[in-house]
């Protein structure tokens, strides 16, 4: 069966192919009556305007790239993609994910952009960014998700690691735990900055909430080439915990993915959770619910949705204006608050926390 073409629609509607193109793209130089006649003809013939053809006519690719660290198998990445997809696809944009494993791949991605600018906007999740990288995009708007700073982004949205850690420590304090610890890994790549930020936030947050150096510690293990082997990592961390002279009874774990095998390892070594030791994860990934893990809740799908909503107006107007060019400084501050949002995570209570054991 022959495929319907724009010429067929034009013939049925009694207009030129160029008028069909303008009408289906929402052009303003077509009368409402003509536009309606073209739409009816297109519907009758089940015709949709090629996105490539529309891109040629409008100068837009109708594509947004999503740049994330790691792989699509990661819960956080898949959720951010789902959130962005739910906003951008109904608006007519394709969402193309690109997965970056290290800084070298990130630099290569931006090095190739001058010859491969097949996108209208960019969402960058969990990466260090810079004004230099932004400038290399020559006007393509960029929105950040869970990035360490707002540098180089036209807009951004993040969940506060510091607030999350403070929520976890505050819970342990309220339960009477006198000695606590943060446990995690120290990957060499800066793409894991979120977990690094959590370990960096912990000592000051613990001190602010009443734990001096004798009653808090940070245990981080270098996973080396076994970065994805959380079972091996949990075994090593459990050994450090049981040998610690501080005898922590409350744990903040960098991610749910590490907390769950750590639960198994602690129980294997005779430590009852939560009777002997309380454990709090971070992320509230689906596996946390199944394991009954108390954790710090963040919603990466909502982060992706918010980022896409921030990006949509920029796709029409380009990157944000230089705030220094505006006269009203109060408007500057208000605008910055709207463009760069920080969300506060919350505690989700389940079965791995309880009152501190009696000494």
C-alpha atoms as a PDB file:
ATOM      1  CA  UNK A   1       0.000   0.000   0.000  1.00  0.00           C
ATOM      2  CA  UNK A   2       1.413   3.388  -1.018  1.00  0.00           C
ATOM      3  CA  UNK A   3       2.325   5.717   1.837  1.00  0.00           C
ATOM      4  CA  UNK A   4       0.297   8.917   2.093  1.00  0.00           C
ATOM      5  CA  UNK A   5       2.332  12.008   1.263  1.00  0.00           C
ATOM      6  CA  UNK A   6       1.977  15.719   1.930  1.00  0.00           C
ATOM      7  CA  UNK A   7       0.963  16.117  -1.729  1.00  0.00           C
ATOM      8  CA  UNK A   8      -2.048  13.844  -1.128  1.00  0.00           C
ATOM      9  CA  UNK A   9      -3.157  16.000   1.790  1.00  0.00           C
ATOM     10  CA  UNK A  10      -2.657  19.164  -0.248  1.00  0.00           C
ATOM     11  CA  UNK A  11      -4.758  17.775  -3.105  1.00  0.00           C
ATOM     12  CA  UNK A  12      -7.602  16.778  -0.769  1.00  0.00           C
ATOM     13  CA  UNK A  13      -7.546  20.113   1.060  1.00  0.00           C
ATOM     14  CA  UNK A  14      -7.222  22.132  -2.151  1.00  0.00           C
ATOM     15  CA  UNK A  15      -4.037  23.905  -1.098  1.00  0.00           C
ATOM     16  CA  UNK A  16      -0.322  23.723  -1.862  1.00  0.00           C
ATOM     17  CA  UNK A  17       2.058  21.335  -0.032  1.00  0.00           C
ATOM     18  CA  UNK A  18       3.761  24.378   1.505  1.00  0.00           C
ATOM     19  CA  UNK A  19       0.458  25.476   3.024  1.00  0.00           C
ATOM     20  CA  UNK A  20      -0.064  21.975   4.455  1.00  0.00           C
ATOM     21  CA  UNK A  21       3.373  22.162   6.079  1.00  0.00           C
ATOM     22  CA  UNK A  22       2.690  25.593   7.572  1.00  0.00           C
ATOM     23  CA  UNK A  23      -0.749  24.580   8.823  1.00  0.00           C
ATOM     24  CA  UNK A  24       0.424  21.373  10.513  1.00  0.00           C
ATOM     25  CA  UNK A  25       3.352  23.185  12.111  1.00  0.00           C
ATOM     26  CA  UNK A  26       1.015  25.807  13.551  1.00  0.00           C
ATOM     27  CA  UNK A  27       2.251  28.624  11.351  1.00  0.00           C
ATOM     28  CA  UNK A  28       0.602  32.015  11.855  1.00  0.00           C
ATOM     29  CA  UNK A  29       0.399  32.878   8.152  1.00  0.00           C
ATOM     30  CA  UNK A  30      -2.427  30.401   7.512  1.00  0.00           C
ATOM     31  CA  UNK A  31      -6.060  31.378   8.050  1.00  0.00           C
ATOM     32  CA  UNK A  32      -7.985  29.434  10.691  1.00  0.00           C
ATOM     33  CA  UNK A  33     -10.397  28.095   8.066  1.00  0.00           C
ATOM     34  CA  UNK A  34      -7.567  26.821   5.854  1.00  0.00           C
ATOM     35  CA  UNK A  35      -5.733  25.318   8.822  1.00  0.00           C
ATOM     36  CA  UNK A  36      -8.867  23.454   9.872  1.00  0.00           C
ATOM     37  CA  UNK A  37      -9.413  22.166   6.335  1.00  0.00           C
ATOM     38  CA  UNK A  38      -5.829  20.900   6.216  1.00  0.00           C
ATOM     39  CA  UNK A  39      -6.131  19.187   9.619  1.00  0.00           C
ATOM     40  CA  UNK A  40      -9.315  17.426   8.543  1.00  0.00           C
ATOM     41  CA  UNK A  41      -7.666  16.235   5.342  1.00  0.00           C
ATOM     42  CA  UNK A  42      -4.646  15.005   7.284  1.00  0.00           C
ATOM     43  CA  UNK A  43      -6.869  13.157   9.766  1.00  0.00           C
ATOM     44  CA  UNK A  44      -8.871  11.576   6.963  1.00  0.00           C
ATOM     45  CA  UNK A  45      -5.682  10.298   5.329  1.00  0.00           C
ATOM     46  CA  UNK A  46      -4.002   9.408   8.688  1.00  0.00           C
ATOM     47  CA  UNK A  47      -1.125  11.695   7.794  1.00  0.00           C
ATOM     48  CA  UNK A  48       1.361  13.205  10.263  1.00  0.00           C
ATOM     49  CA  UNK A  49       4.065  15.660   9.344  1.00  0.00           C
ATOM     50  CA  UNK A  50       7.543  14.153   9.463  1.00  0.00           C
ATOM     51  CA  UNK A  51       9.504  15.419  12.437  1.00  0.00           C
ATOM     52  CA  UNK A  52      12.563  15.691  10.225  1.00  0.00           C
ATOM     53  CA  UNK A  53      10.666  17.767   7.719  1.00  0.00           C
ATOM     54  CA  UNK A  54       9.353  19.988  10.482  1.00  0.00           C
ATOM     55  CA  UNK A  55      12.862  20.368  11.877  1.00  0.00           C
ATOM     56  CA  UNK A  56      14.156  21.514   8.507  1.00  0.00           C
ATOM     57  CA  UNK A  57      11.403  24.093   8.271  1.00  0.00           C
ATOM     58  CA  UNK A  58      11.709  25.417  11.833  1.00  0.00           C
ATOM     59  CA  UNK A  59      15.439  25.061  12.413  1.00  0.00           C
ATOM     60  CA  UNK A  60      14.720  22.850  15.458  1.00  0.00           C
ATOM     61  CA  UNK A  61      15.724  19.231  15.864  1.00  0.00           C
ATOM     62  CA  UNK A  62      12.814  18.547  18.278  1.00  0.00           C
ATOM     63  CA  UNK A  63      15.250  16.515  20.372  1.00  0.00           C
ATOM     64  CA  UNK A  64      16.494  16.869  23.935  1.00  0.00           C
ATOM     65  CA  UNK A  65      19.569  14.994  25.117  1.00  0.00           C
ATOM     66  CA  UNK A  66      19.698  13.620  28.655  1.00  0.00           C
ATOM     67  CA  UNK A  67      23.264  13.189  29.861  1.00  0.00           C
ATOM     68  CA  UNK A  68      23.608  10.879  32.876  1.00  0.00           C
ATOM     69  CA  UNK A  69      26.369   9.007  34.658  1.00  0.00           C
ATOM     70  CA  UNK A  70      26.351   5.219  34.678  1.00  0.00           C
ATOM     71  CA  UNK A  71      23.762   3.109  32.877  1.00  0.00           C
ATOM     72  CA  UNK A  72      20.016   3.003  32.255  1.00  0.00           C
ATOM     73  CA  UNK A  73      19.820   0.015  34.626  1.00  0.00           C
ATOM     74  CA  UNK A  74      20.459   2.386  37.537  1.00  0.00           C
ATOM     75  CA  UNK A  75      17.184   3.210  39.300  1.00  0.00           C
ATOM     76  CA  UNK A  76      18.008   6.913  39.615  1.00  0.00           C
ATOM     77  CA  UNK A  77      18.849   7.326  35.912  1.00  0.00           C
ATOM     78  CA  UNK A  78      15.800   5.421  34.704  1.00  0.00           C
ATOM     79  CA  UNK A  79      13.560   7.486  36.982  1.00  0.00           C
ATOM     80  CA  UNK A  80      14.994  10.832  35.840  1.00  0.00           C
ATOM     81  CA  UNK A  81      14.501   9.732  32.230  1.00  0.00           C
ATOM     82  CA  UNK A  82      10.902   8.714  32.938  1.00  0.00           C
ATOM     83  CA  UNK A  83      10.149  12.079  34.520  1.00  0.00           C
ATOM     84  CA  UNK A  84      11.651  14.072  31.654  1.00  0.00           C
ATOM     85  CA  UNK A  85      10.004  11.838  29.061  1.00  0.00           C
ATOM     86  CA  UNK A  86       6.573  12.406  30.576  1.00  0.00           C
ATOM     87  CA  UNK A  87       6.880  16.166  30.054  1.00  0.00           C
ATOM     88  CA  UNK A  88       8.870  16.494  26.840  1.00  0.00           C
ATOM     89  CA  UNK A  89       7.257  13.791  24.702  1.00  0.00           C
ATOM     90  CA  UNK A  90       3.740  15.289  24.857  1.00  0.00           C
ATOM     91  CA  UNK A  91       5.356  18.606  23.890  1.00  0.00           C
ATOM     92  CA  UNK A  92       6.654  17.003  20.682  1.00  0.00           C
ATOM     93  CA  UNK A  93      10.278  16.356  21.680  1.00  0.00           C
ATOM     94  CA  UNK A  94      12.248  13.135  21.436  1.00  0.00           C
ATOM     95  CA  UNK A  95      14.307  12.414  24.566  1.00  0.00           C
ATOM     96  CA  UNK A  96      17.683  10.833  23.753  1.00  0.00           C
ATOM     97  CA  UNK A  97      19.694   9.488  26.719  1.00  0.00           C
ATOM     98  CA  UNK A  98      23.493   9.458  26.667  1.00  0.00           C
ATOM     99  CA  UNK A  99      25.345   7.489  29.344  1.00  0.00           C
ATOM    100  CA  UNK A 100      28.768   8.669  30.491  1.00  0.00           C
ATOM    101  CA  UNK A 101      31.070   6.586  32.673  1.00  0.00           C
ATOM    102  CA  UNK A 102      33.886   9.004  33.441  1.00  0.00           C
ATOM    103  CA  UNK A 103      35.313  12.472  32.863  1.00  0.00           C
ATOM    104  CA  UNK A 104      37.080  11.382  29.680  1.00  0.00           C
ATOM    105  CA  UNK A 105      33.794  10.354  28.092  1.00  0.00           C
ATOM    106  CA  UNK A 106      32.194  13.595  29.258  1.00  0.00           C
ATOM    107  CA  UNK A 107      34.938  15.667  27.629  1.00  0.00           C
ATOM    108  CA  UNK A 108      34.614  13.602  24.447  1.00  0.00           C
ATOM    109  CA  UNK A 109      30.851  14.209  24.364  1.00  0.00           C
ATOM    110  CA  UNK A 110      31.311  17.971  24.408  1.00  0.00           C
ATOM    111  CA  UNK A 111      34.265  17.870  22.022  1.00  0.00           C
ATOM    112  CA  UNK A 112      32.028  16.265  19.375  1.00  0.00           C
ATOM    113  CA  UNK A 113      29.133  18.662  19.825  1.00  0.00           C
ATOM    114  CA  UNK A 114      30.285  21.296  17.293  1.00  0.00           C
ATOM    115  CA  UNK A 115      29.826  18.726  14.511  1.00  0.00           C
ATOM    116  CA  UNK A 116      26.858  16.946  16.115  1.00  0.00           C
ATOM    117  CA  UNK A 117      24.475  19.614  17.397  1.00  0.00           C
ATOM    118  CA  UNK A 118      21.386  17.541  16.706  1.00  0.00           C
ATOM    119  CA  UNK A 119      19.492  18.754  19.761  1.00  0.00           C
ATOM    120  CA  UNK A 120      17.562  21.754  21.036  1.00  0.00           C
ATOM    121  CA  UNK A 121      18.298  21.360  24.733  1.00  0.00           C
ATOM    122  CA  UNK A 122      20.338  19.364  27.232  1.00  0.00           C
ATOM    123  CA  UNK A 123      19.567  17.946  30.687  1.00  0.00           C
ATOM    124  CA  UNK A 124      22.662  16.981  32.672  1.00  0.00           C
ATOM    125  CA  UNK A 125      22.171  14.660  35.661  1.00  0.00           C
ATOM    126  CA  UNK A 126      24.721  14.113  38.447  1.00  0.00           C
ATOM    127  CA  UNK A 127      27.724  15.686  36.751  1.00  0.00           C
ATOM    128  CA  UNK A 128      30.127  18.486  37.481  1.00  0.00           C
ATOM    129  CA  UNK A 129      29.473  21.169  34.873  1.00  0.00           C
ATOM    130  CA  UNK A 130      31.059  24.532  34.094  1.00  0.00           C
ATOM    131  CA  UNK A 131      30.482  27.791  32.290  1.00  0.00           C
ATOM    132  CA  UNK A 132      33.145  26.735  29.780  1.00  0.00           C
ATOM    133  CA  UNK A 133      31.141  23.647  28.822  1.00  0.00           C
ATOM    134  CA  UNK A 134      27.994  25.762  28.657  1.00  0.00           C
ATOM    135  CA  UNK A 135      29.674  28.239  26.314  1.00  0.00           C
ATOM    136  CA  UNK A 136      30.688  25.386  24.001  1.00  0.00           C
ATOM    137  CA  UNK A 137      26.987  24.746  23.319  1.00  0.00           C
ATOM    138  CA  UNK A 138      26.565  28.153  21.636  1.00  0.00           C
ATOM    139  CA  UNK A 139      23.117  28.964  22.933  1.00  0.00           C
ATOM    140  CA  UNK A 140      21.673  25.485  23.577  1.00  0.00           C
ATOM    141  CA  UNK A 141      19.943  25.701  26.994  1.00  0.00           C
ATOM    142  CA  UNK A 142      21.140  23.370  29.751  1.00  0.00           C
ATOM    143  CA  UNK A 143      19.302  22.251  32.893  1.00  0.00           C
ATOM    144  CA  UNK A 144      21.066  20.401  35.716  1.00  0.00           C
ATOM    145  CA  UNK A 145      19.700  17.602  37.907  1.00  0.00           C
ATOM    146  CA  UNK A 146      21.414  16.769  41.226  1.00  0.00           C
ATOM    147  CA  UNK A 147      24.626  18.469  40.165  1.00  0.00           C
ATOM    148  CA  UNK A 148      27.141  19.792  42.720  1.00  0.00           C
ATOM    149  CA  UNK A 149      26.639  23.452  41.803  1.00  0.00           C
ATOM    150  CA  UNK A 150      24.621  25.710  39.530  1.00  0.00           C
ATOM    151  CA  UNK A 151      27.701  26.777  37.541  1.00  0.00           C
ATOM    152  CA  UNK A 152      27.024  26.756  33.805  1.00  0.00           C
ATOM    153  CA  UNK A 153      23.347  25.807  34.079  1.00  0.00           C
ATOM    154  CA  UNK A 154      20.497  27.953  32.829  1.00  0.00           C
ATOM    155  CA  UNK A 155      18.336  26.235  35.455  1.00  0.00           C
ATOM    156  CA  UNK A 156      18.741  23.341  37.873  1.00  0.00           C
ATOM    157  CA  UNK A 157      16.991  21.189  40.444  1.00  0.00           C
ATOM    158  CA  UNK A 158      18.641  19.075  43.144  1.00  0.00           C
ATOM    159  CA  UNK A 159      17.876  17.132  46.294  1.00  0.00           C
ATOM    160  CA  UNK A 160      19.918  18.377  49.259  1.00  0.00           C
ATOM    161  CA  UNK A 161      22.398  15.762  50.442  1.00  0.00           C
ATOM    162  CA  UNK A 162      23.155  17.844  53.535  1.00  0.00           C
ATOM    163  CA  UNK A 163      19.492  18.000  54.550  1.00  0.00           C
ATOM    164  CA  UNK A 164      19.118  14.275  53.961  1.00  0.00           C
ATOM    165  CA  UNK A 165      22.092  13.423  56.155  1.00  0.00           C
ATOM    166  CA  UNK A 166      20.865  15.760  58.893  1.00  0.00           C
ATOM    167  CA  UNK A 167      17.451  14.102  58.803  1.00  0.00           C
ATOM    168  CA  UNK A 168      19.085  10.693  59.258  1.00  0.00           C
ATOM    169  CA  UNK A 169      21.305  11.848  62.131  1.00  0.00           C
ATOM    170  CA  UNK A 170      18.383  13.622  63.773  1.00  0.00           C
ATOM    171  CA  UNK A 171      16.376  10.394  63.732  1.00  0.00           C
ATOM    172  CA  UNK A 172      19.220   8.447  65.345  1.00  0.00           C
ATOM    173  CA  UNK A 173      19.608  11.179  67.963  1.00  0.00           C
ATOM    174  CA  UNK A 174      15.887  11.059  68.773  1.00  0.00           C
ATOM    175  CA  UNK A 175      16.144   7.287  69.252  1.00  0.00           C
ATOM    176  CA  UNK A 176      18.888   7.719  71.841  1.00  0.00           C
ATOM    177  CA  UNK A 177      21.903   6.456  69.878  1.00  0.00           C
ATOM    178  CA  UNK A 178      25.038   7.872  71.518  1.00  0.00           C
ATOM    179  CA  UNK A 179      27.569   6.693  68.923  1.00  0.00           C
ATOM    180  CA  UNK A 180      26.928   6.794  65.178  1.00  0.00           C
ATOM    181  CA  UNK A 181      28.777   6.215  61.923  1.00  0.00           C
ATOM    182  CA  UNK A 182      28.519   6.997  58.229  1.00  0.00           C
ATOM    183  CA  UNK A 183      29.548   4.121  55.974  1.00  0.00           C
ATOM    184  CA  UNK A 184      30.198   4.083  52.242  1.00  0.00           C
ATOM    185  CA  UNK A 185      32.718   3.819  49.432  1.00  0.00           C
ATOM    186  CA  UNK A 186      35.168   6.268  47.912  1.00  0.00           C
ATOM    187  CA  UNK A 187      35.020   5.820  44.120  1.00  0.00           C
ATOM    188  CA  UNK A 188      37.794   7.512  42.211  1.00  0.00           C
ATOM    189  CA  UNK A 189      35.483   9.031  39.588  1.00  0.00           C
ATOM    190  CA  UNK A 190      33.856  12.399  40.240  1.00  0.00           C
ATOM    191  CA  UNK A 191      30.625  11.060  38.747  1.00  0.00           C
ATOM    192  CA  UNK A 192      29.846   9.696  42.241  1.00  0.00           C
ATOM    193  CA  UNK A 193      29.872  13.156  43.770  1.00  0.00           C
ATOM    194  CA  UNK A 194      26.431  12.699  45.434  1.00  0.00           C
ATOM    195  CA  UNK A 195      27.680   9.906  47.698  1.00  0.00           C
ATOM    196  CA  UNK A 196      30.920  11.789  48.291  1.00  0.00           C
ATOM    197  CA  UNK A 197      28.902  14.840  49.349  1.00  0.00           C
ATOM    198  CA  UNK A 198      26.996  12.716  51.851  1.00  0.00           C
ATOM    199  CA  UNK A 199      30.197  11.502  53.500  1.00  0.00           C
ATOM    200  CA  UNK A 200      31.585  15.051  53.510  1.00  0.00           C
ATOM    201  CA  UNK A 201      28.412  16.454  55.103  1.00  0.00           C
ATOM    202  CA  UNK A 202      28.276  13.867  57.864  1.00  0.00           C
ATOM    203  CA  UNK A 203      30.973  15.058  60.352  1.00  0.00           C
ATOM    204  CA  UNK A 204      29.742  18.665  60.569  1.00  0.00           C
ATOM    205  CA  UNK A 205      26.101  17.622  60.645  1.00  0.00           C
ATOM    206  CA  UNK A 206      26.782  15.104  63.424  1.00  0.00           C
ATOM    207  CA  UNK A 207      28.709  17.726  65.402  1.00  0.00           C
ATOM    208  CA  UNK A 208      25.881  20.235  65.017  1.00  0.00           C
ATOM    209  CA  UNK A 209      23.432  17.662  66.343  1.00  0.00           C
ATOM    210  CA  UNK A 210      25.487  16.869  69.452  1.00  0.00           C
ATOM    211  CA  UNK A 211      27.975  14.159  68.475  1.00  0.00           C
ATOM    212  CA  UNK A 212      31.587  15.003  69.265  1.00  0.00           C
ATOM    213  CA  UNK A 213      34.526  13.266  67.572  1.00  0.00           C
ATOM    214  CA  UNK A 214      34.522  10.500  70.156  1.00  0.00           C
ATOM    215  CA  UNK A 215      30.970   9.523  69.292  1.00  0.00           C
ATOM    216  CA  UNK A 216      30.947   9.705  65.500  1.00  0.00           C
ATOM    217  CA  UNK A 217      33.042   8.273  62.697  1.00  0.00           C
ATOM    218  CA  UNK A 218      33.111   7.987  58.923  1.00  0.00           C
ATOM    219  CA  UNK A 219      34.019   4.600  57.474  1.00  0.00           C
ATOM    220  CA  UNK A 220      34.644   4.650  53.751  1.00  0.00           C
ATOM    221  CA  UNK A 221      36.188   1.792  51.827  1.00  0.00           C
ATOM    222  CA  UNK A 222      37.959   1.969  48.489  1.00  0.00           C
ATOM    223  CA  UNK A 223      36.215  -0.643  46.332  1.00  0.00           C
ATOM    224  CA  UNK A 224      38.981  -0.566  43.738  1.00  0.00           C
ATOM    225  CA  UNK A 225      37.894  -2.597  40.726  1.00  0.00           C
ATOM    226  CA  UNK A 226      34.917  -4.063  42.611  1.00  0.00           C
ATOM    227  CA  UNK A 227      32.895  -0.828  42.700  1.00  0.00           C
ATOM    228  CA  UNK A 228      29.730  -2.646  41.694  1.00  0.00           C
ATOM    229  CA  UNK A 229      30.214  -5.525  44.145  1.00  0.00           C
ATOM    230  CA  UNK A 230      28.285  -4.211  47.141  1.00  0.00           C
ATOM    231  CA  UNK A 231      28.321  -7.646  48.808  1.00  0.00           C
ATOM    232  CA  UNK A 232      32.121  -7.560  48.986  1.00  0.00           C
ATOM    233  CA  UNK A 233      32.012  -3.956  50.167  1.00  0.00           C
ATOM    234  CA  UNK A 234      29.435  -4.748  52.871  1.00  0.00           C
ATOM    235  CA  UNK A 235      31.636  -7.541  54.216  1.00  0.00           C
ATOM    236  CA  UNK A 236      34.610  -5.189  54.524  1.00  0.00           C
ATOM    237  CA  UNK A 237      32.536  -2.426  56.131  1.00  0.00           C
ATOM    238  CA  UNK A 238      30.969  -4.806  58.656  1.00  0.00           C
ATOM    239  CA  UNK A 239      34.432  -5.887  59.722  1.00  0.00           C
ATOM    240  CA  UNK A 240      35.454  -2.267  60.310  1.00  0.00           C
ATOM    241  CA  UNK A 241      32.280  -1.545  62.258  1.00  0.00           C
ATOM    242  CA  UNK A 242      32.652  -4.501  64.592  1.00  0.00           C
ATOM    243  CA  UNK A 243      36.292  -3.590  65.273  1.00  0.00           C
ATOM    244  CA  UNK A 244      35.557   0.095  65.941  1.00  0.00           C
ATOM    245  CA  UNK A 245      36.405   1.265  69.484  1.00  0.00           C
ATOM    246  CA  UNK A 246      33.458   3.706  69.280  1.00  0.00           C
ATOM    247  CA  UNK A 247      30.960   0.830  68.978  1.00  0.00           C
ATOM    248  CA  UNK A 248      28.411   2.735  66.855  1.00  0.00           C
ATOM    249  CA  UNK A 249      24.808   1.596  67.229  1.00  0.00           C
ATOM    250  CA  UNK A 250      23.363   3.885  64.545  1.00  0.00           C
ATOM    251  CA  UNK A 251      24.440   3.836  60.900  1.00  0.00           C
ATOM    252  CA  UNK A 252      23.904   6.223  57.993  1.00  0.00           C
ATOM    253  CA  UNK A 253      24.648   4.351  54.759  1.00  0.00           C
ATOM    254  CA  UNK A 254      25.442   6.228  51.553  1.00  0.00           C
ATOM    255  CA  UNK A 255      22.853   4.414  49.389  1.00  0.00           C
ATOM    256  CA  UNK A 256      20.114   1.832  49.698  1.00  0.00           C
ATOM    257  CA  UNK A 257      22.053  -0.361  47.282  1.00  0.00           C
ATOM    258  CA  UNK A 258      24.845  -0.655  49.843  1.00  0.00           C
ATOM    259  CA  UNK A 259      22.615  -0.665  52.927  1.00  0.00           C
ATOM    260  CA  UNK A 260      20.699  -3.796  51.931  1.00  0.00           C
ATOM    261  CA  UNK A 261      23.717  -6.140  51.556  1.00  0.00           C
ATOM    262  CA  UNK A 262      25.140  -4.559  54.718  1.00  0.00           C
ATOM    263  CA  UNK A 263      21.976  -5.572  56.574  1.00  0.00           C
ATOM    264  CA  UNK A 264      22.513  -9.165  55.469  1.00  0.00           C
ATOM    265  CA  UNK A 265      26.179  -9.114  56.434  1.00  0.00           C
ATOM    266  CA  UNK A 266      25.537  -7.651  59.891  1.00  0.00           C
ATOM    267  CA  UNK A 267      22.876 -10.257  60.591  1.00  0.00           C
ATOM    268  CA  UNK A 268      25.175 -12.997  59.301  1.00  0.00           C
ATOM    269  CA  UNK A 269      27.762 -11.890  61.861  1.00  0.00           C
ATOM    270  CA  UNK A 270      25.243 -12.009  64.706  1.00  0.00           C
ATOM    271  CA  UNK A 271      24.254  -8.327  64.837  1.00  0.00           C
ATOM    272  CA  UNK A 272      20.499  -7.895  65.190  1.00  0.00           C
ATOM    273  CA  UNK A 273      18.946  -5.068  63.174  1.00  0.00           C
ATOM    274  CA  UNK A 274      17.409  -2.976  64.613  1.00  0.00           C
ATOM    275  CA  UNK A 275      17.733  -4.378  68.156  1.00  0.00           C
ATOM    276  CA  UNK A 276      21.552  -4.059  68.291  1.00  0.00           C
ATOM    277  CA  UNK A 277      22.128  -1.598  65.460  1.00  0.00           C
ATOM    278  CA  UNK A 278      19.872   0.802  63.550  1.00  0.00           C
ATOM    279  CA  UNK A 279      20.520   1.252  59.824  1.00  0.00           C
ATOM    280  CA  UNK A 280      19.354   4.127  57.587  1.00  0.00           C
ATOM    281  CA  UNK A 281      19.824   4.112  53.812  1.00  0.00           C
ATOM    282  CA  UNK A 282      19.618   6.934  51.312  1.00  0.00           C
ATOM    283  CA  UNK A 283      17.460   7.235  48.135  1.00  0.00           C
ATOM    284  CA  UNK A 284      14.298   5.224  48.897  1.00  0.00           C
ATOM    285  CA  UNK A 285      14.801   3.055  45.828  1.00  0.00           C
ATOM    286  CA  UNK A 286      12.168   0.341  45.229  1.00  0.00           C
ATOM    287  CA  UNK A 287      14.412  -2.276  46.851  1.00  0.00           C
ATOM    288  CA  UNK A 288      14.287  -0.319  50.123  1.00  0.00           C
ATOM    289  CA  UNK A 289      10.565  -0.946  50.509  1.00  0.00           C
ATOM    290  CA  UNK A 290      10.960  -4.669  49.893  1.00  0.00           C
ATOM    291  CA  UNK A 291      13.747  -4.867  52.485  1.00  0.00           C
ATOM    292  CA  UNK A 292      11.885  -2.817  55.101  1.00  0.00           C
ATOM    293  CA  UNK A 293      14.779  -0.335  55.112  1.00  0.00           C
ATOM    294  CA  UNK A 294      14.407   3.005  56.867  1.00  0.00           C
ATOM    295  CA  UNK A 295      15.836   5.484  54.400  1.00  0.00           C
ATOM    296  CA  UNK A 296      16.061   9.052  53.179  1.00  0.00           C
ATOM    297  CA  UNK A 297      13.470   9.592  50.476  1.00  0.00           C
ATOM    298  CA  UNK A 298      14.182  11.442  47.247  1.00  0.00           C
ATOM    299  CA  UNK A 299      12.159  11.299  44.032  1.00  0.00           C
ATOM    300  CA  UNK A 300      14.331  11.260  40.889  1.00  0.00           C
ATOM    301  CA  UNK A 301      11.284  10.990  38.621  1.00  0.00           C
ATOM    302  CA  UNK A 302      10.051  14.284  40.075  1.00  0.00           C
ATOM    303  CA  UNK A 303      13.525  15.765  39.569  1.00  0.00           C
ATOM    304  CA  UNK A 304      13.411  14.756  35.900  1.00  0.00           C
ATOM    305  CA  UNK A 305       9.904  16.173  35.533  1.00  0.00           C
ATOM    306  CA  UNK A 306      10.887  19.484  37.131  1.00  0.00           C
ATOM    307  CA  UNK A 307      14.000  19.729  34.959  1.00  0.00           C
ATOM    308  CA  UNK A 308      11.940  19.194  31.804  1.00  0.00           C
ATOM    309  CA  UNK A 309       9.397  21.813  32.887  1.00  0.00           C
ATOM    310  CA  UNK A 310      12.275  24.252  33.428  1.00  0.00           C
ATOM    311  CA  UNK A 311      13.700  23.421  30.008  1.00  0.00           C
ATOM    312  CA  UNK A 312      10.508  23.852  27.956  1.00  0.00           C
ATOM    313  CA  UNK A 313      10.365  27.679  28.059  1.00  0.00           C
ATOM    314  CA  UNK A 314      14.105  27.826  27.353  1.00  0.00           C
ATOM    315  CA  UNK A 315      13.596  25.754  24.207  1.00  0.00           C
ATOM    316  CA  UNK A 316      11.486  28.584  22.875  1.00  0.00           C
ATOM    317  CA  UNK A 317      13.571  31.512  24.079  1.00  0.00           C
ATOM    318  CA  UNK A 318      17.117  30.132  24.242  1.00  0.00           C
ATOM    319  CA  UNK A 319      19.380  30.379  27.300  1.00  0.00           C
ATOM    320  CA  UNK A 320      18.533  32.652  30.186  1.00  0.00           C
ATOM    321  CA  UNK A 321      19.489  36.293  30.041  1.00  0.00           C
ATOM    322  CA  UNK A 322      22.611  37.444  31.828  1.00  0.00           C
ATOM    323  CA  UNK A 323      21.300  38.374  35.303  1.00  0.00           C
ATOM    324  CA  UNK A 324      23.889  41.145  35.567  1.00  0.00           C
ATOM    325  CA  UNK A 325      22.185  42.984  32.717  1.00  0.00           C
ATOM    326  CA  UNK A 326      18.976  43.512  34.703  1.00  0.00           C
ATOM    327  CA  UNK A 327      18.351  46.632  36.710  1.00  0.00           C
ATOM    328  CA  UNK A 328      16.174  45.236  39.445  1.00  0.00           C
ATOM    329  CA  UNK A 329      18.433  43.227  41.756  1.00  0.00           C
ATOM    330  CA  UNK A 330      15.512  41.911  43.810  1.00  0.00           C
ATOM    331  CA  UNK A 331      14.006  40.455  40.641  1.00  0.00           C
ATOM    332  CA  UNK A 332      17.432  38.920  39.986  1.00  0.00           C
ATOM    333  CA  UNK A 333      17.355  37.086  43.293  1.00  0.00           C
ATOM    334  CA  UNK A 334      13.764  35.935  42.865  1.00  0.00           C
ATOM    335  CA  UNK A 335      14.497  34.745  39.336  1.00  0.00           C
ATOM    336  CA  UNK A 336      17.559  32.805  40.514  1.00  0.00           C
ATOM    337  CA  UNK A 337      15.506  31.102  43.229  1.00  0.00           C
ATOM    338  CA  UNK A 338      12.958  29.997  40.644  1.00  0.00           C
ATOM    339  CA  UNK A 339      15.598  28.823  38.154  1.00  0.00           C
ATOM    340  CA  UNK A 340      17.706  26.927  40.689  1.00  0.00           C
ATOM    341  CA  UNK A 341      15.642  24.783  43.062  1.00  0.00           C
ATOM    342  CA  UNK A 342      16.854  22.663  45.981  1.00  0.00           C
ATOM    343  CA  UNK A 343      14.436  20.106  47.399  1.00  0.00           C
ATOM    344  CA  UNK A 344      14.640  18.725  50.937  1.00  0.00           C
ATOM    345  CA  UNK A 345      14.589  14.908  51.273  1.00  0.00           C
ATOM    346  CA  UNK A 346      12.579  13.331  54.082  1.00  0.00           C
ATOM    347  CA  UNK A 347      12.869  10.252  56.293  1.00  0.00           C
ATOM    348  CA  UNK A 348      10.843   7.165  55.390  1.00  0.00           C
ATOM    349  CA  UNK A 349      10.482   5.040  58.531  1.00  0.00           C
ATOM    350  CA  UNK A 350      10.457   1.265  58.153  1.00  0.00           C
ATOM    351  CA  UNK A 351      11.825  -1.680  60.144  1.00  0.00           C
ATOM    352  CA  UNK A 352      15.592  -1.118  60.436  1.00  0.00           C
ATOM    353  CA  UNK A 353      15.599   1.613  63.106  1.00  0.00           C
ATOM    354  CA  UNK A 354      14.615   1.507  66.775  1.00  0.00           C
ATOM    355  CA  UNK A 355      15.646   2.882  70.149  1.00  0.00           C
ATOM    356  CA  UNK A 356      19.294   2.485  71.033  1.00  0.00           C
ATOM    357  CA  UNK A 357      20.177  -0.727  72.882  1.00  0.00           C
ATOM    358  CA  UNK A 358      20.755  -0.466  76.613  1.00  0.00           C
ATOM    359  CA  UNK A 359      24.403  -0.275  77.549  1.00  0.00           C
END
